[in-house]
Amino acid sequence: MNIVVFIKQVVATTNVKLDPETGTMIRDGVECILNPFDEYAVEEALRIKEKMGGKVTVVTMGPPQAKEIIRKTIGMGVDEGILISDRALAGSDTWATAYTLSQVLKKIGDYQLVITGKQAVDGDTAQVGPEVAACEGLPMIAWVRKIEEISETSIRAERLMEDGYDVLESPLPALISVVKEINEPRLESLRGKMKAKKYEPKVWGVADMPGFDVAQVGLKGSPTKVFKTFTPKRQYKGEMIAGDAAQAAATLVGKIKEMNIV
């Protein structure tokens, strides 16, 4: 079974900075890592490969330094990595990103399953996976916590819900997004690290994908726009309320009434 896993490089710090002109994240000089949710996607792909055979390919879209997260997955046991990097893609929103990744799938061609993490920890939109499925007309199962059964032609999985889980079955090829409850990602092996150190991922630009419409990507091609970014100002100062629990509660209730909140 040939499996494609979409992964993303994200900022590894809480000191996130945004470009006020474009509304995009400033990544230069900031430590970046493999999106944590994507590690679960990679691990699940490797487990399916170990059970059924085949090939696992990871794909990421980003700047040249994103090769490092590809090498991390190679160390885990992934067979091949592809970096999609092109100046024309700069500033792409989730839909433009999904369009690009759908074109990658068209170029890869031979695959039975696509796996993503449930969301990226920087944007937290959880939109790219479903949008790729929409672009390609693939059936999708989101928030997968367990794959009950999988064959060359179908998959049955448990979808995590707030009040339990659903069991869904889908024909393949299909796309699934996974949650952290699905597995425990493995560490890179020593042999894997040695292989990853020398590994050079494939790099594709928009010109490498036949029929790619550049008008649908980048800032100009993105249907959503960030008009303004700013750091929220703290409008209220905190106040410590002294006294025992009963006194503090009475004082707090009085202050709330003064503010006409209730």
Protein backbone atom coordinates (compact mmCIF):
# COMPACT_ATOMS: atom_id res chain seq x y z
CA MET A 1 0.00 0.00 0.00
CA ASN A 2 1.34 3.41 -0.97
CA ILE A 3 0.67 6.05 1.67
CA VAL A 4 1.20 9.81 1.45
CA VAL A 5 1.55 11.80 4.67
CA PHE A 6 1.30 15.59 4.66
CA ILE A 7 3.49 17.20 7.31
CA LYS A 8 4.26 20.79 8.29
CA GLN A 9 7.12 22.71 9.86
CA VAL A 10 5.91 24.90 12.73
CA VAL A 11 7.52 27.41 15.09
CA ALA A 12 8.79 25.76 18.28
CA THR A 13 8.48 28.81 20.50
CA THR A 14 5.76 30.95 22.04
CA ASN A 15 7.60 34.04 20.82
CA VAL A 16 5.66 34.15 17.58
CA LYS A 17 6.08 37.26 15.43
CA LEU A 18 3.90 38.35 12.53
CA ASP A 19 4.70 40.60 9.61
CA PRO A 20 2.32 43.58 10.05
CA GLU A 21 2.32 44.24 6.30
CA THR A 22 1.41 40.75 5.06
CA GLY A 23 -0.05 39.16 8.19
CA THR A 24 2.20 36.11 7.70
CA MET A 25 4.40 34.52 10.33
CA ILE A 26 8.06 35.53 10.50
CA ARG A 27 10.08 32.29 10.53
CA ASP A 28 13.61 33.58 9.93
CA GLY A 29 15.85 33.06 12.94
CA VAL A 30 13.20 31.09 14.85
CA GLU A 31 13.55 27.41 15.81
CA CYS A 32 11.12 25.21 13.91
CA ILE A 33 9.99 21.61 14.46
CA LEU A 34 7.77 18.95 12.93
CA ASN A 35 4.15 19.71 13.79
CA PRO A 36 3.44 17.43 16.79
CA PHE A 37 0.12 16.11 15.42
CA ASP A 38 1.90 15.10 12.20
CA GLU A 39 4.15 12.72 14.14
CA TYR A 40 1.08 10.60 14.88
CA ALA A 41 0.20 10.60 11.18
CA VAL A 42 3.70 9.45 10.24
CA GLU A 43 3.66 6.74 12.92
CA GLU A 44 0.30 5.38 11.76
CA ALA A 45 1.52 5.26 8.15
CA LEU A 46 4.60 3.31 9.23
CA ARG A 47 2.46 0.84 11.19
CA ILE A 48 0.24 0.22 8.18
CA LYS A 49 3.34 -0.26 5.99
CA GLU A 50 4.79 -2.77 8.47
CA LYS A 51 1.55 -4.71 8.36
CA MET A 52 0.77 -4.54 4.65
CA GLY A 53 3.99 -3.57 2.91
CA GLY A 54 4.28 -0.72 0.44
CA LYS A 55 5.79 2.74 0.66
CA VAL A 56 5.41 5.84 2.83
CA THR A 57 6.04 9.24 1.27
CA VAL A 58 5.96 12.47 3.28
CA VAL A 59 5.21 15.82 1.65
CA THR A 60 5.69 19.27 3.12
CA MET A 61 5.25 22.73 1.68
CA GLY A 62 7.61 25.42 2.89
CA PRO A 63 11.03 27.07 2.67
CA PRO A 64 14.28 25.11 2.06
CA GLN A 65 14.87 24.64 5.82
CA ALA A 66 11.75 22.46 5.95
CA LYS A 67 13.99 19.65 4.68
CA GLU A 68 14.92 19.06 8.32
CA ILE A 69 11.48 17.79 9.29
CA ILE A 70 11.55 15.47 6.27
CA ARG A 71 14.87 14.08 7.50
CA LYS A 72 13.33 13.49 10.93
CA THR A 73 10.65 11.29 9.37
CA ILE A 74 13.28 9.45 7.32
CA GLY A 75 14.94 8.66 10.64
CA MET A 76 11.63 7.20 11.83
CA GLY A 77 11.42 4.89 8.80
CA VAL A 78 9.75 6.86 6.01
CA ASP A 79 10.84 5.86 2.50
CA GLU A 80 10.73 9.16 0.61
CA GLY A 81 10.28 12.87 1.24
CA ILE A 82 9.17 15.68 -1.08
CA LEU A 83 9.53 19.39 -0.36
CA ILE A 84 7.25 21.77 -2.24
CA SER A 85 9.10 25.08 -2.30
CA ASP A 86 8.53 28.01 -4.64
CA ARG A 87 8.39 31.78 -4.20
CA ALA A 88 5.05 31.74 -5.99
CA LEU A 89 3.56 29.91 -2.98
CA ALA A 90 4.55 32.51 -0.37
CA GLY A 91 1.58 33.74 1.65
CA SER A 92 -0.79 30.96 0.58
CA ASP A 93 -3.79 30.49 2.87
CA THR A 94 -5.28 27.10 3.71
CA TRP A 95 -7.23 26.82 0.45
CA ALA A 96 -4.23 27.76 -1.71
CA THR A 97 -2.13 25.29 0.28
CA ALA A 98 -4.74 22.57 -0.21
CA TYR A 99 -4.85 23.28 -3.95
CA THR A 100 -1.07 22.91 -4.11
CA LEU A 101 -1.09 19.63 -2.19
CA SER A 102 -3.88 18.30 -4.40
CA GLN A 103 -1.64 18.95 -7.41
CA VAL A 104 1.12 17.02 -5.64
CA LEU A 105 -1.22 14.05 -5.30
CA LYS A 106 -2.02 14.23 -9.00
CA LYS A 107 1.70 14.10 -9.81
CA ILE A 108 2.37 11.22 -7.38
CA GLY A 109 -0.58 9.35 -8.84
CA ASP A 110 -0.17 5.91 -7.31
CA TYR A 111 -1.46 6.08 -3.73
CA GLN A 112 -4.20 4.40 -1.72
CA LEU A 113 -4.25 6.47 1.48
CA VAL A 114 -3.44 10.03 2.52
CA ILE A 115 -2.89 10.80 6.21
CA THR A 116 -2.62 14.14 8.00
CA GLY A 117 -2.47 15.24 11.62
CA LYS A 118 -5.76 16.69 12.86
CA GLN A 119 -4.36 20.25 12.65
CA ALA A 120 -1.19 22.35 12.80
CA VAL A 121 -0.35 23.93 16.14
CA ASP A 122 0.39 27.34 14.60
CA GLY A 123 -2.80 28.09 12.67
CA ASP A 124 -5.08 25.57 14.47
CA THR A 125 -7.55 25.71 11.57
CA ALA A 126 -7.78 21.96 10.80
CA GLN A 127 -8.81 23.01 7.29
CA VAL A 128 -6.08 21.78 4.94
CA GLY A 129 -6.85 18.05 5.18
CA PRO A 130 -10.58 18.40 4.42
CA GLU A 131 -9.83 20.93 1.67
CA VAL A 132 -7.37 18.59 -0.03
CA ALA A 133 -10.02 15.87 0.07
CA ALA A 134 -12.51 18.32 -1.48
CA CYS A 135 -10.06 19.31 -4.23
CA GLU A 136 -9.37 15.67 -5.13
CA GLY A 137 -12.88 14.34 -4.58
CA LEU A 138 -11.58 11.90 -1.96
CA PRO A 139 -13.75 10.47 0.81
CA MET A 140 -12.47 11.61 4.21
CA ILE A 141 -12.61 10.43 7.82
CA ALA A 142 -11.53 13.13 10.28
CA TRP A 143 -10.32 12.80 13.88
CA VAL A 144 -9.43 9.12 13.56
CA ARG A 145 -8.46 7.57 16.89
CA LYS A 146 -8.17 3.97 15.70
CA ILE A 147 -8.03 2.08 12.42
CA GLU A 148 -10.10 -1.05 13.01
CA GLU A 149 -9.46 -2.64 9.64
CA ILE A 150 -7.73 -1.73 6.40
CA SER A 151 -7.29 -3.52 3.09
CA GLU A 152 -6.13 -2.53 -0.37
CA THR A 153 -9.65 -1.32 -1.19
CA SER A 154 -11.26 -0.08 2.04
CA ILE A 155 -10.73 1.26 5.54
CA ARG A 156 -12.85 1.13 8.70
CA ALA A 157 -11.95 3.56 11.47
CA GLU A 158 -13.16 5.05 14.73
CA ARG A 159 -13.77 8.81 14.62
CA LEU A 160 -13.38 10.57 17.96
CA MET A 161 -16.42 12.59 19.03
CA GLU A 162 -17.19 14.66 22.13
CA ASP A 163 -19.59 12.03 23.46
CA GLY A 164 -17.79 8.88 22.28
CA TYR A 165 -16.85 7.72 18.81
CA ASP A 166 -18.34 6.81 15.43
CA VAL A 167 -17.29 3.83 13.32
CA LEU A 168 -17.02 4.75 9.65
CA GLU A 169 -16.06 2.74 6.60
CA SER A 170 -14.74 4.18 3.35
CA PRO A 171 -13.44 2.91 0.03
CA LEU A 172 -9.84 3.68 -0.91
CA PRO A 173 -8.19 5.89 -1.99
CA ALA A 174 -9.23 8.16 0.89
CA LEU A 175 -7.87 10.80 3.23
CA ILE A 176 -7.88 10.56 7.01
CA SER A 177 -6.77 12.97 9.74
CA VAL A 178 -5.62 11.46 13.01
CA VAL A 179 -5.68 12.52 16.68
CA LYS A 180 -3.00 11.86 19.28
CA GLU A 181 -5.00 9.02 20.83
CA ILE A 182 -4.26 6.82 17.82
CA ASN A 183 -0.71 5.78 18.77
CA GLU A 184 2.61 6.66 20.40
CA PRO A 185 5.13 7.95 17.82
CA ARG A 186 8.44 6.09 17.72
CA LEU A 187 11.83 7.71 18.15
CA GLU A 188 14.32 7.85 15.32
CA SER A 189 16.56 4.78 15.28
CA LEU A 190 20.35 5.11 15.17
CA ARG A 191 20.40 3.59 11.69
CA GLY A 192 17.55 5.88 10.69
CA LYS A 193 19.42 8.96 11.92
CA MET A 194 22.48 7.96 9.91
CA LYS A 195 20.35 7.54 6.79
CA ALA A 196 18.50 10.81 7.43
CA LYS A 197 21.74 12.75 7.79
CA LYS A 198 22.69 11.93 4.21
CA TYR A 199 19.18 12.02 2.78
CA GLU A 200 18.35 14.74 0.27
CA PRO A 201 14.59 15.20 -0.28
CA LYS A 202 13.12 15.83 -3.69
CA VAL A 203 12.27 19.50 -4.26
CA TRP A 204 9.35 20.43 -6.51
CA GLY A 205 8.28 23.87 -7.64
CA VAL A 206 5.04 24.85 -9.36
CA ALA A 207 6.67 24.24 -12.75
CA ASP A 208 7.18 20.58 -11.83
CA MET A 209 3.45 19.96 -11.57
CA PRO A 210 1.69 19.82 -14.96
CA GLY A 211 -1.41 22.00 -15.19
CA PHE A 212 -0.60 23.97 -12.04
CA ASP A 213 -2.53 27.26 -11.95
CA VAL A 214 -0.28 29.85 -10.27
CA ALA A 215 -3.22 32.26 -10.05
CA GLN A 216 -4.70 30.07 -7.30
CA VAL A 217 -1.78 30.33 -4.88
CA GLY A 218 0.25 32.92 -2.99
CA LEU A 219 -1.18 36.04 -1.39
CA LYS A 220 -2.99 37.10 -4.57
CA GLY A 221 -4.53 33.69 -5.10
CA SER A 222 -5.72 33.18 -1.52
CA PRO A 223 -9.45 33.80 -0.97
CA THR A 224 -8.88 34.76 2.69
CA LYS A 225 -6.91 37.88 3.57
CA VAL A 226 -5.32 39.10 6.80
CA PHE A 227 -6.00 42.85 6.85
CA LYS A 228 -4.39 43.64 10.18
CA THR A 229 -2.32 41.97 12.88
CA PHE A 230 -1.58 43.38 16.32
CA THR A 231 -0.79 42.45 19.90
CA PRO A 232 -3.92 42.88 22.06
CA LYS A 233 -3.55 45.51 24.77
CA ARG A 234 -4.35 44.61 28.34
CA GLN A 235 -7.25 46.84 29.33
CA TYR A 236 -7.69 45.87 32.97
CA LYS A 237 -5.31 45.46 35.87
CA GLY A 238 -5.58 42.57 38.27
CA GLU A 239 -6.54 43.12 41.88
CA MET A 240 -5.90 40.85 44.85
CA ILE A 241 -8.84 40.40 47.23
CA ALA A 242 -7.83 39.81 50.85
CA GLY A 243 -9.75 37.98 53.57
CA ASP A 244 -11.13 34.48 54.09
CA ALA A 245 -13.24 32.69 51.48
CA ALA A 246 -16.55 34.16 52.63
CA GLN A 247 -15.21 37.72 52.79
CA ALA A 248 -13.44 37.42 49.45
CA ALA A 249 -16.60 36.05 47.81
CA ALA A 250 -18.72 38.89 49.18
CA THR A 251 -16.19 41.50 48.02
CA LEU A 252 -16.00 39.91 44.56
CA VAL A 253 -19.80 39.86 44.19
CA GLY A 254 -19.91 43.54 45.15
CA LYS A 255 -17.31 44.47 42.56
CA ILE A 256 -19.14 42.50 39.85
CA LYS A 257 -22.37 44.36 40.65
CA GLU A 258 -20.54 47.68 40.43
CA MET A 259 -19.37 46.74 36.93
CA ASN A 260 -22.97 45.91 35.90
CA ILE A 261 -21.86 42.51 34.54
CA VAL A 262 -24.85 40.79 36.14
